[in-house]
Protein backbone atom coordinates (compact mmCIF):
# COMPACT_ATOMS: atom_id res chain seq x y z
CA UNK A 1 -0.30 -0.01 0.06
CA UNK A 2 1.31 3.29 -1.18
CA UNK A 3 1.59 6.06 1.70
CA UNK A 4 3.20 9.48 1.70
CA UNK A 5 3.98 11.50 4.71
CA UNK A 6 4.92 14.94 4.63
CA UNK A 7 6.79 16.74 7.50
CA UNK A 8 8.98 19.72 7.89
CA UNK A 9 6.42 22.63 7.41
CA UNK A 10 6.25 25.47 9.88
CA UNK A 11 6.80 29.31 10.21
CA UNK A 12 9.91 30.98 8.72
CA UNK A 13 10.75 34.50 8.45
CA UNK A 14 11.19 35.88 4.67
CA UNK A 15 14.48 35.28 3.58
CA UNK A 16 14.69 32.03 5.63
CA UNK A 17 15.00 28.34 4.86
CA UNK A 18 12.93 25.29 5.63
CA UNK A 19 13.21 21.61 4.39
CA UNK A 20 10.20 19.50 3.59
CA UNK A 21 10.29 15.85 3.68
CA UNK A 22 8.29 13.20 1.77
CA UNK A 23 8.73 9.78 3.45
CA UNK A 24 7.43 7.07 1.11
CA UNK A 25 6.31 3.54 1.67
CA UNK A 26 4.79 1.00 -0.47
CA UNK A 27 7.34 1.84 -3.69
CA UNK A 28 10.68 2.97 -4.16
CA UNK A 29 11.19 6.80 -4.53
CA UNK A 30 14.04 6.60 -6.78
CA UNK A 31 12.31 4.72 -9.62
CA UNK A 32 9.14 6.95 -9.73
CA UNK A 33 8.53 10.43 -10.80
CA UNK A 34 7.52 12.64 -7.78
CA UNK A 35 6.30 16.01 -7.60
CA UNK A 36 6.00 18.87 -4.90
CA UNK A 37 2.78 20.50 -5.32
CA UNK A 38 1.43 23.78 -3.18
CA UNK A 39 -1.66 25.40 -2.74
CA UNK A 40 -2.16 28.72 -1.27
CA UNK A 41 -5.63 30.06 0.14
CA UNK A 42 -7.78 30.73 -2.62
CA UNK A 43 -5.70 29.44 -5.52
CA UNK A 44 -5.37 26.38 -7.33
CA UNK A 45 -2.81 23.73 -6.63
CA UNK A 46 0.35 24.20 -8.52
CA UNK A 47 3.51 22.02 -9.17
CA UNK A 48 6.55 23.67 -7.69
CA UNK A 49 9.33 20.97 -8.58
CA UNK A 50 9.49 17.49 -10.18
CA UNK A 51 12.09 14.70 -9.87
CA UNK A 52 11.73 12.28 -12.89
CA UNK A 53 12.16 8.61 -12.63
CA UNK A 54 15.68 9.33 -14.48
CA UNK A 55 16.97 11.93 -12.23
CA UNK A 56 16.07 14.93 -14.17
CA UNK A 57 14.62 17.91 -12.22
CA UNK A 58 12.06 20.36 -13.16
CA UNK A 59 11.12 23.73 -11.26
CA UNK A 60 8.42 26.29 -11.41
CA UNK A 61 9.93 29.64 -12.30
CA UNK A 62 8.85 31.12 -9.23
CA UNK A 63 10.98 28.81 -7.25
CA UNK A 64 14.02 28.38 -9.53
CA UNK A 65 17.22 28.69 -7.82
CA UNK A 66 15.57 28.90 -4.35
CA UNK A 67 14.42 25.43 -3.85
CA UNK A 68 15.90 22.21 -4.49
CA UNK A 69 13.95 18.86 -4.75
CA UNK A 70 16.20 15.55 -4.28
CA UNK A 71 15.42 12.25 -2.75
CA UNK A 72 17.28 9.68 -0.54
CA UNK A 73 17.34 6.13 -1.55
CA UNK A 74 18.41 4.81 2.04
CA UNK A 75 15.40 6.55 3.83
CA UNK A 76 13.08 6.08 0.63
CA UNK A 77 12.46 10.08 1.27
CA UNK A 78 11.79 12.94 -1.23
CA UNK A 79 12.99 16.35 0.04
CA UNK A 80 12.32 19.99 -0.85
CA UNK A 81 14.97 22.28 0.34
CA UNK A 82 13.47 25.92 0.25
CA UNK A 83 15.78 28.73 0.87
CA UNK A 84 15.20 32.70 0.33
CA UNK A 85 11.61 32.14 1.45
CA UNK A 86 9.05 34.81 0.37
CA UNK A 87 5.47 35.41 1.79
CA UNK A 88 4.20 34.39 -1.54
CA UNK A 89 5.71 30.73 -0.75
CA UNK A 90 2.89 30.50 2.05
CA UNK A 91 1.02 27.46 1.10
CA UNK A 92 0.05 23.84 2.10
CA UNK A 93 2.86 21.63 0.40
CA UNK A 94 2.17 18.26 -1.08
CA UNK A 95 4.28 15.39 -2.30
CA UNK A 96 2.63 13.21 -5.47
CA UNK A 97 3.62 10.26 -7.39
CA UNK A 98 2.72 10.17 -11.04
CA UNK A 99 2.21 6.71 -11.31
CA UNK A 100 -0.80 5.65 -9.27
CA UNK A 101 -1.69 9.41 -8.39
CA UNK A 102 -1.01 9.29 -4.99
CA UNK A 103 -1.03 12.34 -2.61
CA UNK A 104 0.29 13.09 0.82
CA UNK A 105 -1.66 14.67 3.33
CA UNK A 106 0.31 18.08 2.86
CA UNK A 107 2.37 20.48 5.10
CA UNK A 108 1.71 23.97 6.09
CA UNK A 109 4.45 26.30 5.24
CA UNK A 110 3.91 30.09 6.22
CA UNK A 111 6.50 32.69 5.61
CA UNK A 112 5.84 35.81 7.69
CA UNK A 113 7.62 38.39 9.69
């Protein structure tokens, strides 16, 4: 059974950093295309960063050069390292597997002074 559990959200100041984790079970993260999405209040859910099955990464323009997606085979976890956070990064962040269409429960990121 596939399960995704996001952790690492919280409150950060503008310019600060957070690292989100997506612990996976039921499949191997290194063999799947996975995506970090986010949804801000009143807005549609949008893709933030993708790591493809072959390791290629894709970023939304709004987070390019600030966010880094990665995965750890040893812990079967996907990460999103976020730097230079801005108030408009405030959102619920979700991880998603393309194969099977599985979502985690999400983790809240709030960027505010």
